[in-house]
N, C-alpha and C. Protein backbone atom coordinates (compact mmCIF):
# COMPACT_ATOMS: atom_id res chain seq x y z
N MET A 1 -53.96 89.80 1.38
CA MET A 1 -52.72 89.05 1.34
C MET A 1 -51.52 89.95 1.64
N THR A 2 -51.69 91.23 1.50
CA THR A 2 -50.58 92.15 1.72
C THR A 2 -50.13 92.15 3.17
N GLY A 3 -51.06 92.16 4.11
CA GLY A 3 -50.72 92.18 5.53
C GLY A 3 -49.84 91.02 5.96
N PRO A 4 -50.21 89.77 5.64
CA PRO A 4 -49.36 88.65 6.04
C PRO A 4 -47.97 88.67 5.39
N VAL A 5 -47.88 89.18 4.17
CA VAL A 5 -46.57 89.27 3.51
C VAL A 5 -45.69 90.29 4.23
N ILE A 6 -46.27 91.42 4.61
CA ILE A 6 -45.51 92.44 5.35
C ILE A 6 -45.10 91.89 6.72
N TRP A 7 -46.02 91.19 7.38
CA TRP A 7 -45.69 90.60 8.68
C TRP A 7 -44.54 89.61 8.55
N ALA A 8 -44.57 88.76 7.53
CA ALA A 8 -43.52 87.76 7.34
C ALA A 8 -42.17 88.43 7.07
N ALA A 9 -42.17 89.49 6.26
CA ALA A 9 -40.93 90.20 5.98
C ALA A 9 -40.40 90.87 7.24
N HIS A 10 -41.29 91.42 8.05
CA HIS A 10 -40.88 92.05 9.30
C HIS A 10 -40.30 91.01 10.25
N PHE A 11 -40.98 89.89 10.37
CA PHE A 11 -40.52 88.81 11.24
C PHE A 11 -39.13 88.34 10.83
N LEU A 12 -38.93 88.17 9.53
CA LEU A 12 -37.63 87.74 9.02
C LEU A 12 -36.56 88.79 9.31
N ALA A 13 -36.89 90.07 9.12
CA ALA A 13 -35.92 91.14 9.37
C ALA A 13 -35.54 91.19 10.85
N VAL A 14 -36.52 91.04 11.72
CA VAL A 14 -36.26 91.13 13.16
C VAL A 14 -35.34 90.00 13.62
N TYR A 15 -35.66 88.78 13.27
CA TYR A 15 -34.88 87.66 13.81
C TYR A 15 -33.59 87.40 13.04
N ALA A 16 -33.54 87.74 11.77
CA ALA A 16 -32.27 87.62 11.04
C ALA A 16 -31.29 88.69 11.51
N SER A 17 -31.80 89.89 11.78
CA SER A 17 -30.91 90.95 12.26
C SER A 17 -30.37 90.62 13.65
N GLU A 18 -31.17 89.94 14.46
CA GLU A 18 -30.68 89.55 15.79
C GLU A 18 -29.53 88.55 15.67
N SER A 19 -29.68 87.61 14.77
CA SER A 19 -28.62 86.63 14.58
C SER A 19 -27.35 87.30 14.07
N LEU A 20 -27.50 88.19 13.11
CA LEU A 20 -26.32 88.87 12.57
C LEU A 20 -25.71 89.83 13.57
N ALA A 21 -26.54 90.53 14.33
CA ALA A 21 -26.02 91.48 15.32
C ALA A 21 -25.23 90.76 16.40
N CYS A 22 -25.65 89.58 16.77
CA CYS A 22 -24.92 88.83 17.79
C CYS A 22 -23.57 88.33 17.25
N ARG A 23 -23.54 87.99 15.98
CA ARG A 23 -22.27 87.57 15.40
C ARG A 23 -21.28 88.73 15.33
N TRP A 24 -21.80 89.91 15.06
CA TRP A 24 -20.94 91.10 14.92
C TRP A 24 -20.76 91.87 16.22
N ASN A 25 -21.38 91.41 17.31
CA ASN A 25 -21.35 92.09 18.61
C ASN A 25 -21.83 93.54 18.51
N GLU A 26 -22.95 93.74 17.82
CA GLU A 26 -23.54 95.07 17.63
C GLU A 26 -25.02 95.06 18.02
N PRO A 27 -25.35 94.96 19.32
CA PRO A 27 -26.77 94.95 19.69
C PRO A 27 -27.48 96.26 19.39
N ALA A 28 -26.77 97.37 19.31
CA ALA A 28 -27.41 98.65 18.98
C ALA A 28 -27.90 98.65 17.54
N ALA A 29 -27.19 97.97 16.66
CA ALA A 29 -27.63 97.87 15.26
C ALA A 29 -28.93 97.08 15.18
N HIS A 30 -29.05 96.07 16.00
CA HIS A 30 -30.28 95.29 16.02
C HIS A 30 -31.46 96.16 16.43
N ASP A 31 -31.28 96.97 17.45
CA ASP A 31 -32.37 97.85 17.90
C ASP A 31 -32.78 98.83 16.81
N ALA A 32 -31.83 99.36 16.08
CA ALA A 32 -32.13 100.30 15.00
C ALA A 32 -32.87 99.61 13.86
N ILE A 33 -32.43 98.42 13.52
CA ILE A 33 -33.10 97.67 12.44
C ILE A 33 -34.52 97.31 12.84
N VAL A 34 -34.70 96.86 14.08
CA VAL A 34 -36.05 96.48 14.54
C VAL A 34 -36.97 97.69 14.58
N ALA A 35 -36.48 98.81 15.08
CA ALA A 35 -37.31 100.01 15.15
C ALA A 35 -37.70 100.48 13.75
N GLY A 36 -36.76 100.50 12.84
CA GLY A 36 -37.06 100.91 11.47
C GLY A 36 -38.00 99.96 10.76
N ALA A 37 -37.74 98.67 10.89
CA ALA A 37 -38.60 97.68 10.23
C ALA A 37 -40.01 97.71 10.80
N THR A 38 -40.14 97.90 12.11
CA THR A 38 -41.46 97.96 12.74
C THR A 38 -42.21 99.20 12.28
N PHE A 39 -41.54 100.33 12.22
CA PHE A 39 -42.19 101.55 11.76
C PHE A 39 -42.70 101.40 10.34
N PHE A 40 -41.85 100.92 9.44
CA PHE A 40 -42.25 100.79 8.04
C PHE A 40 -43.33 99.72 7.85
N ALA A 41 -43.27 98.65 8.61
CA ALA A 41 -44.29 97.61 8.50
C ALA A 41 -45.65 98.12 8.97
N ILE A 42 -45.67 98.84 10.09
CA ILE A 42 -46.92 99.39 10.58
C ILE A 42 -47.49 100.40 9.59
N ALA A 43 -46.63 101.26 9.05
CA ALA A 43 -47.09 102.26 8.08
C ALA A 43 -47.65 101.59 6.83
N ALA A 44 -46.97 100.56 6.32
CA ALA A 44 -47.44 99.88 5.12
C ALA A 44 -48.77 99.17 5.34
N ILE A 45 -48.92 98.53 6.49
CA ILE A 45 -50.17 97.83 6.78
C ILE A 45 -51.32 98.82 6.93
N LEU A 46 -51.06 99.93 7.62
CA LEU A 46 -52.12 100.94 7.79
C LEU A 46 -52.51 101.58 6.46
N LEU A 47 -51.54 101.82 5.59
CA LEU A 47 -51.87 102.37 4.27
C LEU A 47 -52.70 101.39 3.45
N HIS A 48 -52.33 100.12 3.51
CA HIS A 48 -53.11 99.11 2.78
C HIS A 48 -54.52 98.99 3.36
N ALA A 49 -54.63 99.03 4.66
CA ALA A 49 -55.96 98.94 5.28
C ALA A 49 -56.82 100.15 4.90
N ARG A 50 -56.20 101.31 4.86
CA ARG A 50 -56.94 102.52 4.48
C ARG A 50 -57.46 102.40 3.04
N ARG A 51 -56.60 101.93 2.15
CA ARG A 51 -57.01 101.74 0.76
C ARG A 51 -58.11 100.69 0.65
N THR A 52 -58.03 99.64 1.44
CA THR A 52 -59.04 98.59 1.42
C THR A 52 -60.38 99.13 1.92
N VAL A 53 -60.37 99.94 2.96
CA VAL A 53 -61.61 100.52 3.47
C VAL A 53 -62.23 101.43 2.43
N ARG A 54 -61.42 102.22 1.75
CA ARG A 54 -61.94 103.09 0.69
C ARG A 54 -62.60 102.30 -0.42
N ASN A 55 -61.99 101.19 -0.82
CA ASN A 55 -62.53 100.38 -1.91
C ASN A 55 -63.75 99.58 -1.48
N THR A 56 -63.92 99.33 -0.20
CA THR A 56 -65.06 98.55 0.28
C THR A 56 -66.35 99.36 0.22
N ASP A 57 -66.25 100.67 0.30
CA ASP A 57 -67.43 101.52 0.35
C ASP A 57 -68.09 101.74 -1.00
N THR A 58 -67.54 101.22 -2.07
CA THR A 58 -68.15 101.42 -3.38
C THR A 58 -69.42 100.60 -3.48
N ASN A 59 -70.43 101.17 -4.12
CA ASN A 59 -71.74 100.51 -4.22
C ASN A 59 -71.81 99.49 -5.34
N GLY A 60 -70.96 99.60 -6.34
CA GLY A 60 -71.05 98.72 -7.50
C GLY A 60 -70.37 97.37 -7.34
N SER A 61 -69.74 97.08 -6.23
CA SER A 61 -69.02 95.82 -6.10
C SER A 61 -69.97 94.69 -5.70
N CYS A 62 -69.65 93.50 -6.18
CA CYS A 62 -70.49 92.35 -5.85
C CYS A 62 -70.12 91.84 -4.45
N GLU A 63 -70.90 90.92 -3.95
CA GLU A 63 -70.71 90.41 -2.59
C GLU A 63 -69.39 89.66 -2.44
N ALA A 64 -68.97 88.95 -3.47
CA ALA A 64 -67.71 88.20 -3.38
C ALA A 64 -66.52 89.15 -3.25
N GLN A 65 -66.53 90.23 -4.03
CA GLN A 65 -65.45 91.21 -3.93
C GLN A 65 -65.46 91.89 -2.57
N ARG A 66 -66.63 92.18 -2.07
CA ARG A 66 -66.73 92.82 -0.75
C ARG A 66 -66.20 91.88 0.34
N PHE A 67 -66.54 90.59 0.24
CA PHE A 67 -66.05 89.60 1.20
C PHE A 67 -64.52 89.53 1.17
N ILE A 68 -63.94 89.52 -0.03
CA ILE A 68 -62.49 89.44 -0.16
C ILE A 68 -61.84 90.68 0.45
N ARG A 69 -62.42 91.85 0.22
CA ARG A 69 -61.86 93.08 0.78
C ARG A 69 -61.96 93.09 2.31
N LEU A 70 -63.06 92.62 2.84
CA LEU A 70 -63.20 92.57 4.30
C LEU A 70 -62.27 91.53 4.92
N THR A 71 -62.05 90.44 4.22
CA THR A 71 -61.09 89.45 4.68
C THR A 71 -59.68 90.01 4.67
N ALA A 72 -59.35 90.77 3.63
CA ALA A 72 -58.04 91.42 3.56
C ALA A 72 -57.88 92.41 4.71
N LEU A 73 -58.95 93.11 5.04
CA LEU A 73 -58.90 94.05 6.16
C LEU A 73 -58.68 93.32 7.49
N ALA A 74 -59.33 92.18 7.66
CA ALA A 74 -59.13 91.38 8.87
C ALA A 74 -57.70 90.86 8.95
N LEU A 75 -57.16 90.42 7.82
CA LEU A 75 -55.76 89.95 7.79
C LEU A 75 -54.79 91.08 8.08
N ASP A 76 -55.11 92.28 7.61
CA ASP A 76 -54.28 93.44 7.94
C ASP A 76 -54.27 93.69 9.44
N GLY A 77 -55.43 93.58 10.07
CA GLY A 77 -55.51 93.78 11.52
C GLY A 77 -54.71 92.74 12.28
N LEU A 78 -54.83 91.49 11.89
CA LEU A 78 -54.07 90.43 12.55
C LEU A 78 -52.56 90.59 12.31
N SER A 79 -52.20 91.00 11.12
CA SER A 79 -50.79 91.22 10.82
C SER A 79 -50.23 92.40 11.60
N LEU A 80 -51.05 93.42 11.81
CA LEU A 80 -50.62 94.57 12.61
C LEU A 80 -50.34 94.14 14.05
N ILE A 81 -51.18 93.28 14.58
CA ILE A 81 -50.95 92.74 15.93
C ILE A 81 -49.65 91.94 15.96
N GLY A 82 -49.42 91.12 14.94
CA GLY A 82 -48.20 90.32 14.87
C GLY A 82 -46.95 91.16 14.77
N VAL A 83 -47.01 92.22 13.97
CA VAL A 83 -45.86 93.12 13.82
C VAL A 83 -45.56 93.81 15.15
N CYS A 84 -46.60 94.31 15.80
CA CYS A 84 -46.40 94.99 17.09
C CYS A 84 -45.85 94.03 18.14
N TRP A 85 -46.36 92.82 18.16
CA TRP A 85 -45.92 91.82 19.14
C TRP A 85 -44.45 91.47 18.94
N ALA A 86 -44.05 91.18 17.71
CA ALA A 86 -42.66 90.82 17.43
C ALA A 86 -41.74 92.02 17.64
N GLY A 87 -42.18 93.20 17.25
CA GLY A 87 -41.36 94.39 17.42
C GLY A 87 -41.14 94.74 18.87
N LEU A 88 -42.19 94.67 19.67
CA LEU A 88 -42.05 94.97 21.10
C LEU A 88 -41.17 93.94 21.80
N ALA A 89 -41.34 92.69 21.46
CA ALA A 89 -40.52 91.65 22.09
C ALA A 89 -39.05 91.85 21.75
N ALA A 90 -38.77 92.19 20.49
CA ALA A 90 -37.38 92.38 20.09
C ALA A 90 -36.78 93.64 20.70
N LEU A 91 -37.59 94.67 20.89
CA LEU A 91 -37.06 95.92 21.46
C LEU A 91 -36.93 95.85 22.99
N LEU A 92 -37.81 95.12 23.64
CA LEU A 92 -37.77 95.06 25.10
C LEU A 92 -36.75 94.07 25.64
N LEU A 93 -36.50 93.01 24.90
CA LEU A 93 -35.53 92.01 25.35
C LEU A 93 -34.16 92.29 24.74
N ASP A 94 -33.13 92.09 25.52
CA ASP A 94 -31.78 92.33 25.03
C ASP A 94 -31.38 91.31 23.99
N ALA A 95 -30.73 91.79 22.96
CA ALA A 95 -30.20 90.89 21.93
C ALA A 95 -28.92 90.24 22.47
N CYS A 96 -28.61 89.09 21.99
CA CYS A 96 -27.34 88.39 22.28
C CYS A 96 -27.25 87.91 23.72
N ARG A 97 -28.33 87.53 24.34
CA ARG A 97 -28.25 86.99 25.69
C ARG A 97 -28.70 85.58 25.72
């Protein structure tokens, strides 16, 4: 569940900052916010995925816990794709046009 929450926060930061940057006529601020938010979102998702992989390798966990951990890992991967997609789109396209 961590991956989708991070993706949603990143998505909100990217598009809210674009709206505010256009009101203030500061497209450079938008680029800085998007770059920072994308970096931190990617780092947070990768750290969570790493922790999930470590916890999946334990032998004492039951099948239901293992399934939940693998599902969390899959959601982290999908969220990472979403963060990269939204971040690249926001950085490549000009704000306020």
